[in-house]
C-alpha atoms as a PDB file:
ATOM      1  CA  MET A   1     -63.453  14.286  -1.555  1.00  0.00           C
ATOM      2  CA  LYS A   2     -63.404  16.588   1.499  1.00  0.00           C
ATOM      3  CA  GLU A   3     -67.202  16.743   1.459  1.00  0.00           C
ATOM      4  CA  ILE A   4     -67.462  12.955   1.492  1.00  0.00           C
ATOM      5  CA  LYS A   5     -64.956  12.711   4.328  1.00  0.00           C
ATOM      6  CA  ALA A   6     -66.812  15.362   6.345  1.00  0.00           C
ATOM      7  CA  CYS A   7     -70.118  13.574   5.778  1.00  0.00           C
ATOM      8  CA  PHE A   8     -68.625  10.209   6.740  1.00  0.00           C
ATOM      9  CA  THR A   9     -67.086  11.725   9.879  1.00  0.00           C
ATOM     10  CA  ALA A  10     -70.441  13.226  10.861  1.00  0.00           C
ATOM     11  CA  VAL A  11     -72.152   9.851  10.445  1.00  0.00           C
ATOM     12  CA  LEU A  12     -69.507   8.141  12.563  1.00  0.00           C
ATOM     13  CA  ARG A  13     -69.917  10.739  15.315  1.00  0.00           C
ATOM     14  CA  SER A  14     -73.658  10.289  15.214  1.00  0.00           C
ATOM     15  CA  ASP A  15     -73.321   6.507  15.425  1.00  0.00           C
ATOM     16  CA  ARG A  16     -70.874   6.781  18.343  1.00  0.00           C
ATOM     17  CA  LYS A  17     -73.222   9.094  20.198  1.00  0.00           C
ATOM     18  CA  ALA A  18     -76.140   6.723  19.646  1.00  0.00           C
ATOM     19  CA  MET A  19     -74.089   3.750  20.825  1.00  0.00           C
ATOM     20  CA  LEU A  20     -72.887   5.641  23.880  1.00  0.00           C
ATOM     21  CA  LYS A  21     -76.452   6.596  24.750  1.00  0.00           C
ATOM     22  CA  LEU A  22     -77.460   2.936  24.569  1.00  0.00           C
ATOM     23  CA  VAL A  23     -74.555   1.900  26.783  1.00  0.00           C
ATOM     24  CA  ILE A  24     -75.467   4.593  29.306  1.00  0.00           C
ATOM     25  CA  GLU A  25     -79.118   3.541  29.360  1.00  0.00           C
ATOM     26  CA  LYS A  26     -78.133  -0.105  29.847  1.00  0.00           C
ATOM     27  CA  LYS A  27     -75.801   0.837  32.725  1.00  0.00           C
ATOM     28  CA  ARG A  28     -78.532   2.980  34.295  1.00  0.00           C
ATOM     29  CA  MET A  29     -80.998   0.089  34.180  1.00  0.00           C
ATOM     30  CA  GLN A  30     -78.365  -2.248  35.634  1.00  0.00           C
ATOM     31  CA  MET A  31     -77.771   0.179  38.503  1.00  0.00           C
ATOM     32  CA  ILE A  32     -81.494   0.444  39.254  1.00  0.00           C
ATOM     33  CA  TYR A  33     -81.816  -3.333  39.219  1.00  0.00           C
ATOM     34  CA  LEU A  34     -78.836  -3.760  41.555  1.00  0.00           C
ATOM     35  CA  ALA A  35     -80.157  -1.082  43.898  1.00  0.00           C
ATOM     36  CA  ASN A  36     -83.503  -2.857  44.113  1.00  0.00           C
ATOM     37  CA  ILE A  37     -81.921  -6.261  44.711  1.00  0.00           C
ATOM     38  CA  THR A  38     -78.857  -5.487  46.827  1.00  0.00           C
ATOM     39  CA  GLY A  39     -79.622  -2.027  48.253  1.00  0.00           C
ATOM     40  CA  LEU A  40     -78.529   1.497  47.447  1.00  0.00           C
ATOM     41  CA  THR A  41     -75.254   1.290  49.368  1.00  0.00           C
ATOM     42  CA  SER A  42     -74.132  -2.199  48.355  1.00  0.00           C
ATOM     43  CA  LYS A  43     -70.695  -2.530  46.786  1.00  0.00           C
ATOM     44  CA  LYS A  44     -72.232  -3.746  43.522  1.00  0.00           C
ATOM     45  CA  THR A  45     -74.611  -0.788  43.269  1.00  0.00           C
ATOM     46  CA  VAL A  46     -71.924   1.753  44.153  1.00  0.00           C
ATOM     47  CA  LYS A  47     -69.513   0.248  41.617  1.00  0.00           C
ATOM     48  CA  CYS A  48     -72.180   0.343  38.906  1.00  0.00           C
ATOM     49  CA  SER A  49     -73.008   3.946  39.839  1.00  0.00           C
ATOM     50  CA  GLN A  50     -69.340   4.899  39.495  1.00  0.00           C
ATOM     51  CA  GLU A  51     -69.200   3.218  36.078  1.00  0.00           C
ATOM     52  CA  LEU A  52     -72.285   5.190  35.039  1.00  0.00           C
ATOM     53  CA  ASP A  53     -70.629   8.389  36.269  1.00  0.00           C
ATOM     54  CA  ASP A  54     -67.573   7.587  34.154  1.00  0.00           C
ATOM     55  CA  LEU A  55     -69.746   7.147  31.072  1.00  0.00           C
ATOM     56  CA  LEU A  56     -71.600  10.392  31.718  1.00  0.00           C
ATOM     57  CA  ASN A  57     -68.298  12.220  32.234  1.00  0.00           C
ATOM     58  CA  LEU A  58     -67.117  10.828  28.914  1.00  0.00           C
ATOM     59  CA  VAL A  59     -70.162  12.268  27.180  1.00  0.00           C
ATOM     60  CA  GLN A  60     -69.603  15.613  28.912  1.00  0.00           C
ATOM     61  CA  ASN A  61     -65.950  15.711  27.829  1.00  0.00           C
ATOM     62  CA  VAL A  62     -66.794  14.817  24.240  1.00  0.00           C
ATOM     63  CA  SER A  63     -69.489  17.485  24.121  1.00  0.00           C
ATOM     64  CA  GLN A  64     -67.123  20.138  25.454  1.00  0.00           C
ATOM     65  CA  ALA A  65     -64.425  19.147  22.944  1.00  0.00           C
ATOM     66  CA  GLN A  66     -66.760  19.808  20.013  1.00  0.00           C
END
């Protein structure tokens, strides 16, 4: 039973990492789009950049915890 649980946990971690990578890539593309449309220093671009930073920090914290 422990082996099954460990395997299931590994799959869940892998799926979470994949989902997080997709979310980060989507946010990165959104930031690039906003920068092109509204400028690098617009409030929308800066806010999106901060959200991307938060996501990247989350990945960093998760990686360090493992």
